[in-house]
Amino acid sequence: MTLRQPDADEYAAWNAAAFSEYVEEIVASGGMSREAAEERARREDAELLPDGWATPGQLIFRVEADGQSVGWLWLALQSPRAEAGVGFIYDITIDEALRGRAYGRRAMQLAEEEARRHGLHALALNVFGQNAIARALYSSLGYRETSVQMRKEL
């Protein structure tokens, strides 16, 4: 598997899909209304990617296997907490029809290799609580929980 930088059209398609997926995850977590989730996603996109795929410090890749696209990876060279030497994985997505074939595991390993190439000593990420498959993958790769938020609807 390899990582490849997208062209402008590929980036635009990914950005639109990632936006929609992020909004759906926020709403599914019970954290806010769809309207509030959309506003949050728009604000974060503008803050994190002001220059789109060319934003310094933000690495967005197509994940490819045997020359075919299987997903996407967004790796920031600095965590949102501005911890020195700590990168942040904002998004890793494997095409739904191709899940369960270890592409996600290998893409995470490629993210770690890319982070090391850029001098990082750690990676962090957030995962929504309802995403049990992703949580299990990250745990199996050695990621540990650093905080847990919980909620109960009354």
N, C-alpha and C. Protein backbone atom coordinates (compact mmCIF):
# COMPACT_ATOMS: atom_id res chain seq x y z
N MET A 1 0.83 -1.18 0.00
CA MET A 1 0.00 0.00 0.00
C MET A 1 0.87 1.24 0.00
N THR A 2 0.31 2.31 -0.54
CA THR A 2 1.04 3.58 -0.63
C THR A 2 0.11 4.74 -0.29
N LEU A 3 0.73 5.88 -0.02
CA LEU A 3 0.02 7.14 0.17
C LEU A 3 0.37 8.04 -1.00
N ARG A 4 -0.64 8.73 -1.53
CA ARG A 4 -0.43 9.62 -2.67
C ARG A 4 -1.21 10.91 -2.42
N GLN A 5 -0.57 12.04 -2.71
CA GLN A 5 -1.28 13.32 -2.59
C GLN A 5 -2.35 13.41 -3.67
N PRO A 6 -3.52 13.91 -3.32
CA PRO A 6 -4.60 14.02 -4.31
C PRO A 6 -4.42 15.24 -5.20
N ASP A 7 -5.11 15.23 -6.32
CA ASP A 7 -5.17 16.44 -7.13
C ASP A 7 -6.35 17.29 -6.60
N ALA A 8 -6.55 18.45 -7.17
CA ALA A 8 -7.56 19.39 -6.67
C ALA A 8 -8.97 18.82 -6.72
N ASP A 9 -9.31 18.11 -7.80
CA ASP A 9 -10.65 17.53 -7.92
C ASP A 9 -10.86 16.41 -6.90
N GLU A 10 -9.85 15.57 -6.71
CA GLU A 10 -9.95 14.50 -5.72
C GLU A 10 -10.12 15.10 -4.32
N TYR A 11 -9.34 16.15 -4.04
CA TYR A 11 -9.44 16.80 -2.73
C TYR A 11 -10.84 17.35 -2.51
N ALA A 12 -11.40 18.02 -3.50
CA ALA A 12 -12.73 18.61 -3.36
C ALA A 12 -13.77 17.53 -3.07
N ALA A 13 -13.69 16.39 -3.75
CA ALA A 13 -14.63 15.30 -3.51
C ALA A 13 -14.45 14.74 -2.10
N TRP A 14 -13.19 14.54 -1.68
CA TRP A 14 -12.93 14.05 -0.33
C TRP A 14 -13.45 15.03 0.71
N ASN A 15 -13.16 16.32 0.53
CA ASN A 15 -13.54 17.31 1.52
C ASN A 15 -15.05 17.33 1.71
N ALA A 16 -15.81 17.24 0.63
CA ALA A 16 -17.27 17.22 0.74
C ALA A 16 -17.75 15.96 1.46
N ALA A 17 -17.18 14.81 1.10
CA ALA A 17 -17.58 13.56 1.75
C ALA A 17 -17.17 13.54 3.22
N ALA A 18 -15.96 14.01 3.52
CA ALA A 18 -15.48 14.03 4.91
C ALA A 18 -16.34 14.97 5.75
N PHE A 19 -16.74 16.09 5.18
CA PHE A 19 -17.61 17.03 5.89
C PHE A 19 -18.91 16.34 6.28
N SER A 20 -19.55 15.69 5.31
CA SER A 20 -20.84 15.02 5.57
C SER A 20 -20.69 13.91 6.60
N GLU A 21 -19.62 13.13 6.47
CA GLU A 21 -19.39 12.03 7.42
C GLU A 21 -19.16 12.56 8.83
N TYR A 22 -18.40 13.64 8.95
CA TYR A 22 -18.12 14.24 10.25
C TYR A 22 -19.41 14.75 10.89
N VAL A 23 -20.24 15.42 10.12
CA VAL A 23 -21.52 15.91 10.63
C VAL A 23 -22.36 14.74 11.13
N GLU A 24 -22.43 13.66 10.34
CA GLU A 24 -23.22 12.48 10.74
C GLU A 24 -22.70 11.88 12.04
N GLU A 25 -21.38 11.81 12.20
CA GLU A 25 -20.78 11.25 13.43
C GLU A 25 -21.11 12.12 14.64
N ILE A 26 -21.04 13.44 14.47
CA ILE A 26 -21.37 14.34 15.58
C ILE A 26 -22.82 14.15 15.99
N VAL A 27 -23.72 14.13 15.02
CA VAL A 27 -25.14 13.97 15.31
C VAL A 27 -25.39 12.61 15.96
N ALA A 28 -24.79 11.54 15.43
CA ALA A 28 -24.99 10.19 15.98
C ALA A 28 -24.48 10.08 17.42
N SER A 29 -23.47 10.87 17.75
CA SER A 29 -22.93 10.80 19.11
C SER A 29 -23.86 11.46 20.11
N GLY A 30 -24.87 12.17 19.62
CA GLY A 30 -25.83 12.82 20.51
C GLY A 30 -25.35 14.15 21.05
N GLY A 31 -24.24 14.62 20.49
CA GLY A 31 -23.63 15.82 21.03
C GLY A 31 -24.30 17.13 20.63
N MET A 32 -24.94 17.17 19.46
CA MET A 32 -25.57 18.42 19.03
C MET A 32 -26.51 18.17 17.86
N SER A 33 -27.29 19.18 17.56
CA SER A 33 -28.23 19.10 16.44
C SER A 33 -27.47 19.09 15.13
N ARG A 34 -28.15 18.72 14.06
CA ARG A 34 -27.53 18.71 12.72
C ARG A 34 -27.06 20.12 12.34
N GLU A 35 -27.87 21.12 12.62
CA GLU A 35 -27.49 22.48 12.27
C GLU A 35 -26.23 22.91 13.01
N ALA A 36 -26.18 22.62 14.30
CA ALA A 36 -25.00 22.98 15.10
C ALA A 36 -23.78 22.18 14.63
N ALA A 37 -23.99 20.91 14.29
CA ALA A 37 -22.88 20.07 13.81
C ALA A 37 -22.35 20.60 12.48
N GLU A 38 -23.23 21.03 11.60
CA GLU A 38 -22.79 21.58 10.31
C GLU A 38 -22.00 22.87 10.53
N GLU A 39 -22.45 23.71 11.44
CA GLU A 39 -21.72 24.96 11.72
C GLU A 39 -20.34 24.64 12.31
N ARG A 40 -20.28 23.68 13.21
CA ARG A 40 -18.99 23.29 13.79
C ARG A 40 -18.06 22.77 12.71
N ALA A 41 -18.57 21.91 11.84
CA ALA A 41 -17.75 21.34 10.77
C ALA A 41 -17.24 22.42 9.82
N ARG A 42 -18.11 23.38 9.47
CA ARG A 42 -17.68 24.49 8.60
C ARG A 42 -16.58 25.32 9.26
N ARG A 43 -16.76 25.63 10.55
CA ARG A 43 -15.79 26.43 11.28
C ARG A 43 -14.44 25.71 11.37
N GLU A 44 -14.47 24.42 11.71
CA GLU A 44 -13.23 23.65 11.83
C GLU A 44 -12.54 23.50 10.48
N ASP A 45 -13.30 23.29 9.43
CA ASP A 45 -12.70 23.17 8.10
C ASP A 45 -11.98 24.47 7.72
N ALA A 46 -12.62 25.60 7.98
CA ALA A 46 -12.01 26.90 7.67
C ALA A 46 -10.75 27.15 8.49
N GLU A 47 -10.77 26.72 9.76
CA GLU A 47 -9.61 26.92 10.64
C GLU A 47 -8.46 25.98 10.29
N LEU A 48 -8.78 24.72 10.03
CA LEU A 48 -7.74 23.71 9.84
C LEU A 48 -7.20 23.67 8.41
N LEU A 49 -8.04 23.96 7.44
CA LEU A 49 -7.64 23.83 6.03
C LEU A 49 -7.92 25.13 5.26
N PRO A 50 -7.37 26.26 5.72
CA PRO A 50 -7.67 27.51 5.03
C PRO A 50 -7.20 27.53 3.57
N ASP A 51 -6.15 26.77 3.27
CA ASP A 51 -5.64 26.69 1.90
C ASP A 51 -5.93 25.33 1.29
N GLY A 52 -6.97 24.66 1.78
CA GLY A 52 -7.34 23.35 1.25
C GLY A 52 -6.20 22.34 1.41
N TRP A 53 -6.03 21.52 0.38
CA TRP A 53 -5.02 20.46 0.46
C TRP A 53 -3.60 21.00 0.49
N ALA A 54 -3.43 22.30 0.19
CA ALA A 54 -2.09 22.91 0.20
C ALA A 54 -1.78 23.61 1.52
N THR A 55 -2.62 23.43 2.53
CA THR A 55 -2.39 24.07 3.83
C THR A 55 -1.12 23.50 4.47
N PRO A 56 -0.16 24.36 4.81
CA PRO A 56 1.08 23.87 5.44
C PRO A 56 0.77 23.09 6.73
N GLY A 57 1.49 21.98 6.90
CA GLY A 57 1.35 21.18 8.10
C GLY A 57 0.19 20.20 8.09
N GLN A 58 -0.61 20.23 7.03
CA GLN A 58 -1.74 19.31 6.89
C GLN A 58 -1.46 18.41 5.69
N LEU A 59 -1.34 17.12 5.94
CA LEU A 59 -1.04 16.16 4.89
C LEU A 59 -2.27 15.32 4.60
N ILE A 60 -2.78 15.43 3.40
CA ILE A 60 -3.96 14.67 3.00
C ILE A 60 -3.55 13.74 1.87
N PHE A 61 -3.86 12.46 2.06
CA PHE A 61 -3.42 11.44 1.11
C PHE A 61 -4.56 10.55 0.66
N ARG A 62 -4.44 10.10 -0.58
CA ARG A 62 -5.22 8.95 -1.04
C ARG A 62 -4.47 7.72 -0.55
N VAL A 63 -5.18 6.76 -0.03
CA VAL A 63 -4.59 5.48 0.35
C VAL A 63 -4.84 4.53 -0.81
N GLU A 64 -3.75 3.96 -1.34
CA GLU A 64 -3.88 3.10 -2.51
C GLU A 64 -3.29 1.72 -2.25
N ALA A 65 -3.93 0.72 -2.84
CA ALA A 65 -3.45 -0.66 -2.80
C ALA A 65 -3.43 -1.15 -4.24
N ASP A 66 -2.27 -1.62 -4.68
CA ASP A 66 -2.12 -2.11 -6.05
C ASP A 66 -2.59 -1.08 -7.08
N GLY A 67 -2.29 0.19 -6.82
CA GLY A 67 -2.62 1.26 -7.74
C GLY A 67 -4.07 1.72 -7.71
N GLN A 68 -4.90 1.11 -6.87
CA GLN A 68 -6.31 1.49 -6.77
C GLN A 68 -6.56 2.21 -5.45
N SER A 69 -7.37 3.25 -5.49
CA SER A 69 -7.72 3.98 -4.28
C SER A 69 -8.58 3.09 -3.37
N VAL A 70 -8.21 3.05 -2.09
CA VAL A 70 -9.02 2.30 -1.12
C VAL A 70 -9.51 3.20 0.01
N GLY A 71 -9.01 4.45 0.07
CA GLY A 71 -9.46 5.34 1.13
C GLY A 71 -8.66 6.61 1.21
N TRP A 72 -8.74 7.26 2.39
CA TRP A 72 -8.14 8.57 2.62
C TRP A 72 -7.48 8.63 3.99
N LEU A 73 -6.48 9.48 4.09
CA LEU A 73 -5.80 9.74 5.36
C LEU A 73 -5.51 11.23 5.46
N TRP A 74 -5.85 11.82 6.61
CA TRP A 74 -5.52 13.22 6.89
C TRP A 74 -4.68 13.25 8.14
N LEU A 75 -3.43 13.63 7.99
CA LEU A 75 -2.46 13.68 9.07
C LEU A 75 -1.97 15.12 9.25
N ALA A 76 -2.15 15.66 10.44
CA ALA A 76 -1.63 16.99 10.76
C ALA A 76 -0.30 16.81 11.48
N LEU A 77 0.64 17.67 11.15
CA LEU A 77 1.96 17.57 11.76
C LEU A 77 2.04 18.18 13.15
N GLN A 78 0.90 18.67 13.65
CA GLN A 78 0.83 19.18 15.03
C GLN A 78 -0.54 18.84 15.58
N SER A 79 -0.57 18.44 16.84
CA SER A 79 -1.85 18.12 17.46
C SER A 79 -2.61 19.39 17.79
N PRO A 80 -3.93 19.30 17.96
CA PRO A 80 -4.71 20.49 18.32
C PRO A 80 -4.26 21.11 19.64
N ARG A 81 -3.65 20.33 20.50
CA ARG A 81 -3.14 20.84 21.78
C ARG A 81 -1.76 21.46 21.66
N ALA A 82 -1.23 21.49 20.45
CA ALA A 82 0.09 22.07 20.17
C ALA A 82 1.20 21.41 20.98
N GLU A 83 1.08 20.11 21.20
CA GLU A 83 2.14 19.37 21.88
C GLU A 83 3.32 19.19 20.92
N ALA A 84 4.51 19.54 21.36
CA ALA A 84 5.69 19.42 20.51
C ALA A 84 5.92 17.97 20.11
N GLY A 85 6.12 17.75 18.82
CA GLY A 85 6.44 16.43 18.30
C GLY A 85 5.29 15.47 18.21
N VAL A 86 4.06 15.94 18.41
CA VAL A 86 2.89 15.08 18.37
C VAL A 86 2.01 15.48 17.19
N GLY A 87 1.79 14.54 16.28
CA GLY A 87 0.90 14.76 15.15
C GLY A 87 -0.51 14.34 15.49
N PHE A 88 -1.41 14.56 14.57
CA PHE A 88 -2.82 14.24 14.83
C PHE A 88 -3.45 13.69 13.57
N ILE A 89 -4.13 12.57 13.71
CA ILE A 89 -4.87 11.98 12.59
C ILE A 89 -6.30 12.50 12.68
N TYR A 90 -6.64 13.38 11.74
CA TYR A 90 -7.99 13.93 11.72
C TYR A 90 -8.97 13.00 11.03
N ASP A 91 -8.49 12.25 10.06
CA ASP A 91 -9.42 11.38 9.33
C ASP A 91 -8.66 10.22 8.73
N ILE A 92 -9.23 9.06 8.88
CA ILE A 92 -8.80 7.89 8.12
C ILE A 92 -10.08 7.17 7.73
N THR A 93 -10.23 6.99 6.44
CA THR A 93 -11.44 6.37 5.92
C THR A 93 -11.05 5.34 4.87
N ILE A 94 -11.57 4.15 5.04
CA ILE A 94 -11.42 3.10 4.03
C ILE A 94 -12.79 2.93 3.37
N ASP A 95 -12.80 2.87 2.05
CA ASP A 95 -14.07 2.72 1.34
C ASP A 95 -14.86 1.56 1.93
N GLU A 96 -16.14 1.79 2.17
CA GLU A 96 -16.97 0.82 2.88
C GLU A 96 -16.92 -0.58 2.26
N ALA A 97 -16.94 -0.69 0.96
CA ALA A 97 -16.93 -1.99 0.29
C ALA A 97 -15.61 -2.73 0.47
N LEU A 98 -14.56 -2.01 0.90
CA LEU A 98 -13.23 -2.62 1.03
C LEU A 98 -12.80 -2.83 2.48
N ARG A 99 -13.69 -2.56 3.41
CA ARG A 99 -13.34 -2.72 4.82
C ARG A 99 -13.23 -4.20 5.18
N GLY A 100 -12.47 -4.47 6.22
CA GLY A 100 -12.28 -5.84 6.67
C GLY A 100 -11.15 -6.56 5.95
N ARG A 101 -10.34 -5.85 5.19
CA ARG A 101 -9.24 -6.45 4.44
C ARG A 101 -7.87 -5.97 4.93
N ALA A 102 -7.84 -5.39 6.12
CA ALA A 102 -6.61 -4.89 6.77
C ALA A 102 -6.07 -3.61 6.12
N TYR A 103 -6.84 -2.97 5.25
CA TYR A 103 -6.38 -1.71 4.68
C TYR A 103 -6.28 -0.62 5.74
N GLY A 104 -7.22 -0.59 6.67
CA GLY A 104 -7.19 0.41 7.73
C GLY A 104 -5.96 0.26 8.60
N ARG A 105 -5.63 -0.97 8.97
CA ARG A 105 -4.44 -1.24 9.77
C ARG A 105 -3.18 -0.77 9.03
N ARG A 106 -3.07 -1.12 7.78
CA ARG A 106 -1.87 -0.75 7.01
C ARG A 106 -1.82 0.77 6.80
N ALA A 107 -2.96 1.40 6.59
CA ALA A 107 -2.98 2.86 6.43
C ALA A 107 -2.52 3.54 7.71
N MET A 108 -2.90 3.02 8.86
CA MET A 108 -2.43 3.58 10.13
C MET A 108 -0.91 3.41 10.26
N GLN A 109 -0.41 2.27 9.84
CA GLN A 109 1.04 2.06 9.89
C GLN A 109 1.76 3.02 8.95
N LEU A 110 1.19 3.27 7.78
CA LEU A 110 1.78 4.24 6.86
C LEU A 110 1.74 5.65 7.46
N ALA A 111 0.68 5.96 8.18
CA ALA A 111 0.60 7.27 8.86
C ALA A 111 1.72 7.40 9.88
N GLU A 112 1.98 6.33 10.61
CA GLU A 112 3.06 6.35 11.60
C GLU A 112 4.42 6.54 10.91
N GLU A 113 4.62 5.87 9.79
CA GLU A 113 5.88 6.02 9.05
C GLU A 113 6.03 7.47 8.55
N GLU A 114 4.96 8.03 8.04
CA GLU A 114 4.99 9.41 7.55
C GLU A 114 5.28 10.37 8.71
N ALA A 115 4.67 10.13 9.85
CA ALA A 115 4.91 10.97 11.02
C ALA A 115 6.38 10.92 11.44
N ARG A 116 6.94 9.72 11.47
CA ARG A 116 8.37 9.59 11.82
C ARG A 116 9.25 10.35 10.83
N ARG A 117 8.91 10.27 9.54
CA ARG A 117 9.68 10.99 8.51
C ARG A 117 9.69 12.49 8.77
N HIS A 118 8.64 12.97 9.39
CA HIS A 118 8.53 14.41 9.69
C HIS A 118 9.03 14.74 11.10
N GLY A 119 9.68 13.77 11.75
CA GLY A 119 10.28 14.02 13.05
C GLY A 119 9.33 13.96 14.24
N LEU A 120 8.16 13.42 14.06
CA LEU A 120 7.21 13.31 15.16
C LEU A 120 7.53 12.08 16.02
N HIS A 121 7.23 12.17 17.30
CA HIS A 121 7.48 11.04 18.20
C HIS A 121 6.18 10.39 18.69
N ALA A 122 5.03 10.98 18.35
CA ALA A 122 3.74 10.41 18.78
C ALA A 122 2.64 10.89 17.84
N LEU A 123 1.56 10.12 17.81
CA LEU A 123 0.36 10.49 17.09
C LEU A 123 -0.83 10.42 18.04
N ALA A 124 -1.77 11.30 17.85
CA ALA A 124 -3.01 11.29 18.62
C ALA A 124 -4.17 11.31 17.63
N LEU A 125 -5.35 10.98 18.12
CA LEU A 125 -6.56 11.02 17.30
C LEU A 125 -7.76 11.02 18.22
N ASN A 126 -8.89 11.39 17.68
CA ASN A 126 -10.17 11.26 18.37
C ASN A 126 -10.99 10.22 17.62
N VAL A 127 -11.77 9.48 18.37
CA VAL A 127 -12.68 8.53 17.76
C VAL A 127 -14.01 8.61 18.50
N PHE A 128 -15.10 8.63 17.76
CA PHE A 128 -16.41 8.68 18.40
C PHE A 128 -16.68 7.37 19.10
N GLY A 129 -17.29 7.46 20.27
CA GLY A 129 -17.53 6.29 21.11
C GLY A 129 -18.31 5.18 20.43
N GLN A 130 -19.22 5.53 19.54
CA GLN A 130 -20.04 4.51 18.89
C GLN A 130 -19.29 3.75 17.80
N ASN A 131 -18.06 4.15 17.49
CA ASN A 131 -17.30 3.50 16.43
C ASN A 131 -16.42 2.39 17.03
N ALA A 132 -17.06 1.31 17.42
CA ALA A 132 -16.36 0.22 18.11
C ALA A 132 -15.28 -0.43 17.25
N ILE A 133 -15.51 -0.55 15.95
CA ILE A 133 -14.53 -1.19 15.08
C ILE A 133 -13.24 -0.36 15.03
N ALA A 134 -13.38 0.94 14.86
CA ALA A 134 -12.19 1.80 14.83
C ALA A 134 -11.49 1.80 16.19
N ARG A 135 -12.25 1.87 17.27
CA ARG A 135 -11.64 1.85 18.60
C ARG A 135 -10.83 0.57 18.82
N ALA A 136 -11.36 -0.56 18.37
CA ALA A 136 -10.64 -1.83 18.50
C ALA A 136 -9.37 -1.82 17.66
N LEU A 137 -9.45 -1.29 16.45
CA LEU A 137 -8.27 -1.22 15.59
C LEU A 137 -7.19 -0.38 16.25
N TYR A 138 -7.54 0.81 16.71
CA TYR A 138 -6.54 1.69 17.31
C TYR A 138 -5.92 1.05 18.55
N SER A 139 -6.73 0.41 19.37
CA SER A 139 -6.19 -0.28 20.56
C SER A 139 -5.23 -1.38 20.16
N SER A 140 -5.57 -2.13 19.11
CA SER A 140 -4.70 -3.23 18.68
C SER A 140 -3.37 -2.73 18.13
N LEU A 141 -3.34 -1.46 17.70
CA LEU A 141 -2.12 -0.86 17.17
C LEU A 141 -1.30 -0.16 18.27
N GLY A 142 -1.77 -0.21 19.50
CA GLY A 142 -1.02 0.37 20.61
C GLY A 142 -1.48 1.74 21.05
N TYR A 143 -2.54 2.27 20.47
CA TYR A 143 -3.08 3.55 20.92
C TYR A 143 -3.81 3.30 22.24
N ARG A 144 -3.69 4.26 23.16
CA ARG A 144 -4.37 4.11 24.44
C ARG A 144 -5.32 5.28 24.64
N GLU A 145 -6.38 5.04 25.38
CA GLU A 145 -7.33 6.11 25.66
C GLU A 145 -6.68 7.12 26.59
N THR A 146 -6.86 8.40 26.28
CA THR A 146 -6.32 9.46 27.12
C THR A 146 -7.43 10.26 27.79
N SER A 147 -8.66 10.15 27.29
CA SER A 147 -9.83 10.72 27.95
C SER A 147 -11.06 10.04 27.38
N VAL A 148 -12.12 10.04 28.16
CA VAL A 148 -13.37 9.44 27.72
C VAL A 148 -14.48 10.40 28.12
N GLN A 149 -15.32 10.78 27.18
CA GLN A 149 -16.48 11.59 27.47
C GLN A 149 -17.69 10.67 27.41
N MET A 150 -18.61 10.87 28.34
CA MET A 150 -19.81 10.03 28.39
C MET A 150 -21.04 10.91 28.47
N ARG A 151 -22.18 10.35 28.05
CA ARG A 151 -23.43 11.11 28.02
C ARG A 151 -24.57 10.15 28.21
N LYS A 152 -25.62 10.62 28.89
CA LYS A 152 -26.84 9.85 29.05
C LYS A 152 -28.02 10.77 28.75
N GLU A 153 -28.86 10.35 27.84
CA GLU A 153 -30.06 11.12 27.52
C GLU A 153 -31.11 10.85 28.60
N LEU A 154 -31.76 11.88 29.06
CA LEU A 154 -32.79 11.75 30.10
C LEU A 154 -34.18 11.97 29.52
